Amino acid sequence: MINLEVKTKLSHDELHSRLKSFFGKGGLGLETTDDAQDCLSFEGGGGFVKATICQEDGKIRLELQTQEWEIQVKKFASSLP
């Protein structure tokens, strides 16, 4: 299990959309178990991904927690501007 934190220049809505596209249907195919404004959770393959979006000093901070999807979470985080 890993916890990862990244900051991005993306808007809240764009980041939310990218998370759903990457981890959900059309992406890795994980089941969306929570889809709130600031929190998304996905499950599948014996693991999970939890994403928390926080507004901080005019930027967006994304907190990611995962089990069994560490490589994919790192790939997603490294793709953010």
PDB file of N, CA and C in Angstrom:
ATOM      1  N   MET A   1       0.855  -1.178   0.000  1.00  0.00           N
ATOM      2  CA  MET A   1       0.000   0.000   0.000  1.00  0.00           C
ATOM      3  C   MET A   1       0.894   1.231   0.000  1.00  0.00           C
ATOM      4  N   ILE A   2       0.485   2.235  -0.772  1.00  0.00           N
ATOM      5  CA  ILE A   2       1.223   3.501  -0.787  1.00  0.00           C
ATOM      6  C   ILE A   2       0.259   4.668  -0.613  1.00  0.00           C
ATOM      7  N   ASN A   3       0.801   5.749  -0.093  1.00  0.00           N
ATOM      8  CA  ASN A   3       0.128   7.041  -0.037  1.00  0.00           C
ATOM      9  C   ASN A   3       0.998   7.997  -0.829  1.00  0.00           C
ATOM     10  N   LEU A   4       0.376   8.753  -1.720  1.00  0.00           N
ATOM     11  CA  LEU A   4       1.108   9.649  -2.605  1.00  0.00           C
ATOM     12  C   LEU A   4       0.383  10.986  -2.646  1.00  0.00           C
ATOM     13  N   GLU A   5       1.142  12.063  -2.647  1.00  0.00           N
ATOM     14  CA  GLU A   5       0.557  13.398  -2.719  1.00  0.00           C
ATOM     15  C   GLU A   5       1.232  14.173  -3.844  1.00  0.00           C
ATOM     16  N   VAL A   6       0.418  14.791  -4.706  1.00  0.00           N
ATOM     17  CA  VAL A   6       0.951  15.588  -5.806  1.00  0.00           C
ATOM     18  C   VAL A   6       0.155  16.883  -5.925  1.00  0.00           C
ATOM     19  N   LYS A   7       0.807  17.900  -6.467  1.00  0.00           N
ATOM     20  CA  LYS A   7       0.122  19.156  -6.765  1.00  0.00           C
ATOM     21  C   LYS A   7       0.032  19.291  -8.272  1.00  0.00           C
ATOM     22  N   THR A   8      -1.043  19.905  -8.737  1.00  0.00           N
ATOM     23  CA  THR A   8      -1.255  20.035 -10.175  1.00  0.00           C
ATOM     24  C   THR A   8      -1.838  21.397 -10.512  1.00  0.00           C
ATOM     25  N   LYS A   9      -1.645  21.801 -11.747  1.00  0.00           N
ATOM     26  CA  LYS A   9      -2.216  23.046 -12.249  1.00  0.00           C
ATOM     27  C   LYS A   9      -3.600  22.832 -12.850  1.00  0.00           C
ATOM     28  N   LEU A  10      -4.024  21.576 -12.940  1.00  0.00           N
ATOM     29  CA  LEU A  10      -5.349  21.282 -13.493  1.00  0.00           C
ATOM     30  C   LEU A  10      -6.445  21.863 -12.607  1.00  0.00           C
ATOM     31  N   SER A  11      -7.584  22.152 -13.213  1.00  0.00           N
ATOM     32  CA  SER A  11      -8.736  22.582 -12.418  1.00  0.00           C
ATOM     33  C   SER A  11      -9.299  21.367 -11.685  1.00  0.00           C
ATOM     34  N   HIS A  12     -10.087  21.636 -10.675  1.00  0.00           N
ATOM     35  CA  HIS A  12     -10.733  20.578  -9.907  1.00  0.00           C
ATOM     36  C   HIS A  12     -11.538  19.662 -10.826  1.00  0.00           C
ATOM     37  N   ASP A  13     -12.353  20.257 -11.701  1.00  0.00           N
ATOM     38  CA  ASP A  13     -13.215  19.469 -12.587  1.00  0.00           C
ATOM     39  C   ASP A  13     -12.407  18.624 -13.573  1.00  0.00           C
ATOM     40  N   GLU A  14     -11.332  19.186 -14.117  1.00  0.00           N
ATOM     41  CA  GLU A  14     -10.492  18.441 -15.057  1.00  0.00           C
ATOM     42  C   GLU A  14      -9.817  17.262 -14.362  1.00  0.00           C
ATOM     43  N   LEU A  15      -9.329  17.477 -13.157  1.00  0.00           N
ATOM     44  CA  LEU A  15      -8.678  16.403 -12.414  1.00  0.00           C
ATOM     45  C   LEU A  15      -9.687  15.295 -12.085  1.00  0.00           C
ATOM     46  N   HIS A  16     -10.868  15.685 -11.647  1.00  0.00           N
ATOM     47  CA  HIS A  16     -11.928  14.724 -11.334  1.00  0.00           C
ATOM     48  C   HIS A  16     -12.244  13.876 -12.567  1.00  0.00           C
ATOM     49  N   SER A  17     -12.362  14.522 -13.703  1.00  0.00           N
ATOM     50  CA  SER A  17     -12.650  13.825 -14.955  1.00  0.00           C
ATOM     51  C   SER A  17     -11.515  12.871 -15.350  1.00  0.00           C
ATOM     52  N   ARG A  18     -10.280  13.322 -15.204  1.00  0.00           N
ATOM     53  CA  ARG A  18      -9.136  12.470 -15.551  1.00  0.00           C
ATOM     54  C   ARG A  18      -9.049  11.251 -14.646  1.00  0.00           C
ATOM     55  N   LEU A  19      -9.340  11.431 -13.369  1.00  0.00           N
ATOM     56  CA  LEU A  19      -9.332  10.296 -12.442  1.00  0.00           C
ATOM     57  C   LEU A  19     -10.349   9.248 -12.871  1.00  0.00           C
ATOM     58  N   LYS A  20     -11.563   9.683 -13.190  1.00  0.00           N
ATOM     59  CA  LYS A  20     -12.619   8.754 -13.601  1.00  0.00           C
ATOM     60  C   LYS A  20     -12.253   8.046 -14.903  1.00  0.00           C
ATOM     61  N   SER A  21     -11.675   8.781 -15.854  1.00  0.00           N
ATOM     62  CA  SER A  21     -11.303   8.197 -17.140  1.00  0.00           C
ATOM     63  C   SER A  21     -10.156   7.199 -17.016  1.00  0.00           C
ATOM     64  N   PHE A  22      -9.198   7.500 -16.160  1.00  0.00           N
ATOM     65  CA  PHE A  22      -8.013   6.649 -16.024  1.00  0.00           C
ATOM     66  C   PHE A  22      -8.320   5.370 -15.244  1.00  0.00           C
ATOM     67  N   PHE A  23      -9.006   5.517 -14.112  1.00  0.00           N
ATOM     68  CA  PHE A  23      -9.219   4.363 -13.235  1.00  0.00           C
ATOM     69  C   PHE A  23     -10.550   3.646 -13.483  1.00  0.00           C
ATOM     70  N   GLY A  24     -11.566   4.332 -13.974  1.00  0.00           N
ATOM     71  CA  GLY A  24     -12.891   3.753 -14.159  1.00  0.00           C
ATOM     72  C   GLY A  24     -13.091   3.143 -15.528  1.00  0.00           C
ATOM     73  N   LYS A  25     -14.370   3.110 -15.950  1.00  0.00           N
ATOM     74  CA  LYS A  25     -14.719   2.553 -17.256  1.00  0.00           C
ATOM     75  C   LYS A  25     -13.979   3.290 -18.353  1.00  0.00           C
ATOM     76  N   GLY A  26     -13.507   2.547 -19.330  1.00  0.00           N
ATOM     77  CA  GLY A  26     -12.742   3.136 -20.419  1.00  0.00           C
ATOM     78  C   GLY A  26     -11.262   3.227 -20.114  1.00  0.00           C
ATOM     79  N   GLY A  27     -10.910   3.066 -18.839  1.00  0.00           N
ATOM     80  CA  GLY A  27      -9.509   3.081 -18.432  1.00  0.00           C
ATOM     81  C   GLY A  27      -9.134   1.714 -17.887  1.00  0.00           C
ATOM     82  N   LEU A  28      -8.774   1.677 -16.611  1.00  0.00           N
ATOM     83  CA  LEU A  28      -8.418   0.403 -15.992  1.00  0.00           C
ATOM     84  C   LEU A  28      -9.641  -0.470 -15.707  1.00  0.00           C
ATOM     85  N   GLY A  29     -10.825   0.121 -15.747  1.00  0.00           N
ATOM     86  CA  GLY A  29     -12.050  -0.651 -15.557  1.00  0.00           C
ATOM     87  C   GLY A  29     -12.402  -0.957 -14.117  1.00  0.00           C
ATOM     88  N   LEU A  30     -11.834  -0.187 -13.183  1.00  0.00           N
ATOM     89  CA  LEU A  30     -12.184  -0.396 -11.780  1.00  0.00           C
ATOM     90  C   LEU A  30     -13.595   0.112 -11.520  1.00  0.00           C
ATOM     91  N   GLU A  31     -14.251  -0.472 -10.530  1.00  0.00           N
ATOM     92  CA  GLU A  31     -15.600  -0.064 -10.164  1.00  0.00           C
ATOM     93  C   GLU A  31     -15.530   1.201  -9.302  1.00  0.00           C
ATOM     94  N   THR A  32     -16.298   2.203  -9.664  1.00  0.00           N
ATOM     95  CA  THR A  32     -16.363   3.424  -8.862  1.00  0.00           C
ATOM     96  C   THR A  32     -17.255   3.154  -7.659  1.00  0.00           C
ATOM     97  N   THR A  33     -16.687   3.271  -6.446  1.00  0.00           N
ATOM     98  CA  THR A  33     -17.455   3.001  -5.236  1.00  0.00           C
ATOM     99  C   THR A  33     -17.840   4.275  -4.497  1.00  0.00           C
ATOM    100  N   ASP A  34     -17.183   5.385  -4.820  1.00  0.00           N
ATOM    101  CA  ASP A  34     -17.527   6.689  -4.241  1.00  0.00           C
ATOM    102  C   ASP A  34     -17.199   7.752  -5.279  1.00  0.00           C
ATOM    103  N   ASP A  35     -18.149   8.625  -5.536  1.00  0.00           N
ATOM    104  CA  ASP A  35     -17.947   9.683  -6.531  1.00  0.00           C
ATOM    105  C   ASP A  35     -18.492  10.992  -5.986  1.00  0.00           C
ATOM    106  N   ALA A  36     -17.846  11.493  -4.948  1.00  0.00           N
ATOM    107  CA  ALA A  36     -18.213  12.779  -4.366  1.00  0.00           C
ATOM    108  C   ALA A  36     -17.367  13.868  -5.023  1.00  0.00           C
ATOM    109  N   GLN A  37     -17.680  15.109  -4.749  1.00  0.00           N
ATOM    110  CA  GLN A  37     -16.973  16.215  -5.380  1.00  0.00           C
ATOM    111  C   GLN A  37     -15.473  16.179  -5.092  1.00  0.00           C
ATOM    112  N   ASP A  38     -15.093  15.899  -3.862  1.00  0.00           N
ATOM    113  CA  ASP A  38     -13.684  15.943  -3.481  1.00  0.00           C
ATOM    114  C   ASP A  38     -13.068  14.580  -3.204  1.00  0.00           C
ATOM    115  N   CYS A  39     -13.820  13.509  -3.396  1.00  0.00           N
ATOM    116  CA  CYS A  39     -13.316  12.180  -3.086  1.00  0.00           C
ATOM    117  C   CYS A  39     -13.838  11.159  -4.093  1.00  0.00           C
ATOM    118  N   LEU A  40     -12.924  10.406  -4.658  1.00  0.00           N
ATOM    119  CA  LEU A  40     -13.274   9.319  -5.583  1.00  0.00           C
ATOM    120  C   LEU A  40     -12.628   8.044  -5.076  1.00  0.00           C
ATOM    121  N   SER A  41     -13.373   6.955  -5.134  1.00  0.00           N
ATOM    122  CA  SER A  41     -12.833   5.655  -4.739  1.00  0.00           C
ATOM    123  C   SER A  41     -13.164   4.629  -5.803  1.00  0.00           C
ATOM    124  N   PHE A  42     -12.201   3.758  -6.053  1.00  0.00           N
ATOM    125  CA  PHE A  42     -12.343   2.708  -7.051  1.00  0.00           C
ATOM    126  C   PHE A  42     -11.897   1.392  -6.432  1.00  0.00           C
ATOM    127  N   GLU A  43     -12.550   0.292  -6.840  1.00  0.00           N
ATOM    128  CA  GLU A  43     -12.161  -1.026  -6.365  1.00  0.00           C
ATOM    129  C   GLU A  43     -12.132  -2.004  -7.520  1.00  0.00           C
ATOM    130  N   GLY A  44     -11.275  -3.010  -7.381  1.00  0.00           N
ATOM    131  CA  GLY A  44     -11.200  -4.074  -8.372  1.00  0.00           C
ATOM    132  C   GLY A  44      -9.855  -4.751  -8.330  1.00  0.00           C
ATOM    133  N   GLY A  45      -9.794  -5.953  -8.860  1.00  0.00           N
ATOM    134  CA  GLY A  45      -8.536  -6.679  -8.922  1.00  0.00           C
ATOM    135  C   GLY A  45      -7.927  -6.975  -7.569  1.00  0.00           C
ATOM    136  N   GLY A  46      -8.749  -7.048  -6.530  1.00  0.00           N
ATOM    137  CA  GLY A  46      -8.251  -7.328  -5.191  1.00  0.00           C
ATOM    138  C   GLY A  46      -7.666  -6.126  -4.480  1.00  0.00           C
ATOM    139  N   GLY A  47      -7.874  -4.927  -5.040  1.00  0.00           N
ATOM    140  CA  GLY A  47      -7.316  -3.728  -4.423  1.00  0.00           C
ATOM    141  C   GLY A  47      -8.233  -2.538  -4.574  1.00  0.00           C
ATOM    142  N   PHE A  48      -7.682  -1.363  -4.290  1.00  0.00           N
ATOM    143  CA  PHE A  48      -8.469  -0.137  -4.355  1.00  0.00           C
ATOM    144  C   PHE A  48      -7.582   1.055  -4.674  1.00  0.00           C
ATOM    145  N   VAL A  49      -8.238   2.133  -5.088  1.00  0.00           N
ATOM    146  CA  VAL A  49      -7.598   3.440  -5.264  1.00  0.00           C
ATOM    147  C   VAL A  49      -8.539   4.460  -4.643  1.00  0.00           C
ATOM    148  N   LYS A  50      -8.023   5.298  -3.757  1.00  0.00           N
ATOM    149  CA  LYS A  50      -8.808   6.377  -3.165  1.00  0.00           C
ATOM    150  C   LYS A  50      -8.109   7.693  -3.491  1.00  0.00           C
ATOM    151  N   ALA A  51      -8.875   8.639  -4.037  1.00  0.00           N
ATOM    152  CA  ALA A  51      -8.328   9.947  -4.411  1.00  0.00           C
ATOM    153  C   ALA A  51      -9.084  11.044  -3.681  1.00  0.00           C
ATOM    154  N   THR A  52      -8.350  11.954  -3.049  1.00  0.00           N
ATOM    155  CA  THR A  52      -8.936  13.101  -2.364  1.00  0.00           C
ATOM    156  C   THR A  52      -8.373  14.361  -3.006  1.00  0.00           C
ATOM    157  N   ILE A  53      -9.270  15.238  -3.470  1.00  0.00           N
ATOM    158  CA  ILE A  53      -8.882  16.477  -4.150  1.00  0.00           C
ATOM    159  C   ILE A  53      -9.055  17.636  -3.171  1.00  0.00           C
ATOM    160  N   CYS A  54      -7.981  18.387  -2.969  1.00  0.00           N
ATOM    161  CA  CYS A  54      -8.001  19.503  -2.011  1.00  0.00           C
ATOM    162  C   CYS A  54      -7.549  20.787  -2.700  1.00  0.00           C
ATOM    163  N   GLN A  55      -8.289  21.870  -2.472  1.00  0.00           N
ATOM    164  CA  GLN A  55      -7.887  23.200  -2.954  1.00  0.00           C
ATOM    165  C   GLN A  55      -6.912  23.775  -1.946  1.00  0.00           C
ATOM    166  N   GLU A  56      -5.745  24.245  -2.420  1.00  0.00           N
ATOM    167  CA  GLU A  56      -4.725  24.743  -1.497  1.00  0.00           C
ATOM    168  C   GLU A  56      -3.912  25.851  -2.154  1.00  0.00           C
ATOM    169  N   ASP A  57      -4.015  27.071  -1.652  1.00  0.00           N
ATOM    170  CA  ASP A  57      -3.230  28.207  -2.148  1.00  0.00           C
ATOM    171  C   ASP A  57      -3.335  28.392  -3.661  1.00  0.00           C
ATOM    172  N   GLY A  58      -4.537  28.288  -4.199  1.00  0.00           N
ATOM    173  CA  GLY A  58      -4.751  28.497  -5.619  1.00  0.00           C
ATOM    174  C   GLY A  58      -4.352  27.327  -6.500  1.00  0.00           C
ATOM    175  N   LYS A  59      -3.882  26.261  -5.905  1.00  0.00           N
ATOM    176  CA  LYS A  59      -3.523  25.058  -6.658  1.00  0.00           C
ATOM    177  C   LYS A  59      -4.344  23.891  -6.119  1.00  0.00           C
ATOM    178  N   ILE A  60      -4.268  22.800  -6.838  1.00  0.00           N
ATOM    179  CA  ILE A  60      -4.966  21.598  -6.433  1.00  0.00           C
ATOM    180  C   ILE A  60      -3.946  20.591  -5.907  1.00  0.00           C
ATOM    181  N   ARG A  61      -4.236  20.053  -4.737  1.00  0.00           N
ATOM    182  CA  ARG A  61      -3.409  18.994  -4.161  1.00  0.00           C
ATOM    183  C   ARG A  61      -4.222  17.705  -4.234  1.00  0.00           C
ATOM    184  N   LEU A  62      -3.615  16.660  -4.737  1.00  0.00           N
ATOM    185  CA  LEU A  62      -4.270  15.368  -4.878  1.00  0.00           C
ATOM    186  C   LEU A  62      -3.584  14.367  -3.964  1.00  0.00           C
ATOM    187  N   GLU A  63      -4.373  13.749  -3.105  1.00  0.00           N
ATOM    188  CA  GLU A  63      -3.872  12.695  -2.234  1.00  0.00           C
ATOM    189  C   GLU A  63      -4.379  11.366  -2.782  1.00  0.00           C
ATOM    190  N   LEU A  64      -3.460  10.449  -3.013  1.00  0.00           N
ATOM    191  CA  LEU A  64      -3.812   9.133  -3.548  1.00  0.00           C
ATOM    192  C   LEU A  64      -3.375   8.054  -2.562  1.00  0.00           C
ATOM    193  N   GLN A  65      -4.264   7.110  -2.334  1.00  0.00           N
ATOM    194  CA  GLN A  65      -3.961   5.958  -1.503  1.00  0.00           C
ATOM    195  C   GLN A  65      -4.360   4.729  -2.304  1.00  0.00           C
ATOM    196  N   THR A  66      -3.510   3.712  -2.315  1.00  0.00           N
ATOM    197  CA  THR A  66      -3.820   2.527  -3.114  1.00  0.00           C
ATOM    198  C   THR A  66      -3.240   1.263  -2.516  1.00  0.00           C
ATOM    199  N   GLN A  67      -3.863   0.183  -2.869  1.00  0.00           N
ATOM    200  CA  GLN A  67      -3.347  -1.152  -2.591  1.00  0.00           C
ATOM    201  C   GLN A  67      -3.555  -1.975  -3.848  1.00  0.00           C
ATOM    202  N   GLU A  68      -2.508  -2.618  -4.327  1.00  0.00           N
ATOM    203  CA  GLU A  68      -2.507  -3.447  -5.531  1.00  0.00           C
ATOM    204  C   GLU A  68      -2.458  -2.657  -6.840  1.00  0.00           C
ATOM    205  N   TRP A  69      -2.546  -1.333  -6.803  1.00  0.00           N
ATOM    206  CA  TRP A  69      -2.524  -0.518  -8.023  1.00  0.00           C
ATOM    207  C   TRP A  69      -1.419   0.534  -7.951  1.00  0.00           C
ATOM    208  N   GLU A  70      -0.338   0.209  -7.264  1.00  0.00           N
ATOM    209  CA  GLU A  70       0.739   1.168  -7.035  1.00  0.00           C
ATOM    210  C   GLU A  70       1.370   1.672  -8.338  1.00  0.00           C
ATOM    211  N   ILE A  71       1.666   0.780  -9.261  1.00  0.00           N
ATOM    212  CA  ILE A  71       2.318   1.177 -10.520  1.00  0.00           C
ATOM    213  C   ILE A  71       1.415   2.115 -11.316  1.00  0.00           C
ATOM    214  N   GLN A  72       0.133   1.789 -11.385  1.00  0.00           N
ATOM    215  CA  GLN A  72      -0.809   2.602 -12.148  1.00  0.00           C
ATOM    216  C   GLN A  72      -1.027   3.965 -11.491  1.00  0.00           C
ATOM    217  N   VAL A  73      -1.062   4.006 -10.164  1.00  0.00           N
ATOM    218  CA  VAL A  73      -1.228   5.280  -9.457  1.00  0.00           C
ATOM    219  C   VAL A  73      -0.002   6.170  -9.692  1.00  0.00           C
ATOM    220  N   LYS A  74       1.182   5.594  -9.637  1.00  0.00           N
ATOM    221  CA  LYS A  74       2.395   6.375  -9.900  1.00  0.00           C
ATOM    222  C   LYS A  74       2.401   6.895 -11.339  1.00  0.00           C
ATOM    223  N   LYS A  75       1.933   6.073 -12.268  1.00  0.00           N
ATOM    224  CA  LYS A  75       1.864   6.491 -13.674  1.00  0.00           C
ATOM    225  C   LYS A  75       0.894   7.650 -13.821  1.00  0.00           C
ATOM    226  N   PHE A  76      -0.275   7.563 -13.187  1.00  0.00           N
ATOM    227  CA  PHE A  76      -1.248   8.645 -13.259  1.00  0.00           C
ATOM    228  C   PHE A  76      -0.661   9.932 -12.664  1.00  0.00           C
ATOM    229  N   ALA A  77      -0.076   9.826 -11.488  1.00  0.00           N
ATOM    230  CA  ALA A  77       0.471  11.006 -10.816  1.00  0.00           C
ATOM    231  C   ALA A  77       1.575  11.666 -11.644  1.00  0.00           C
ATOM    232  N   SER A  78       2.406  10.863 -12.286  1.00  0.00           N
ATOM    233  CA  SER A  78       3.509  11.433 -13.071  1.00  0.00           C
ATOM    234  C   SER A  78       3.021  12.077 -14.363  1.00  0.00           C
ATOM    235  N   SER A  79       1.794  11.786 -14.790  1.00  0.00           N
ATOM    236  CA  SER A  79       1.265  12.368 -16.018  1.00  0.00           C
ATOM    237  C   SER A  79       0.616  13.733 -15.801  1.00  0.00           C
ATOM    238  N   LEU A  80       0.460  14.152 -14.552  1.00  0.00           N
ATOM    239  CA  LEU A  80      -0.219  15.413 -14.254  1.00  0.00           C
ATOM    240  C   LEU A  80       0.693  16.610 -14.485  1.00  0.00           C
ATOM    241  N   PRO A  81       0.137  17.680 -15.066  1.00  0.00           N
ATOM    242  CA  PRO A  81       0.940  18.898 -15.257  1.00  0.00           C
ATOM    243  C   PRO A  81       1.091  19.664 -13.948  1.00  0.00           C
TER     244      PRO A  81
END
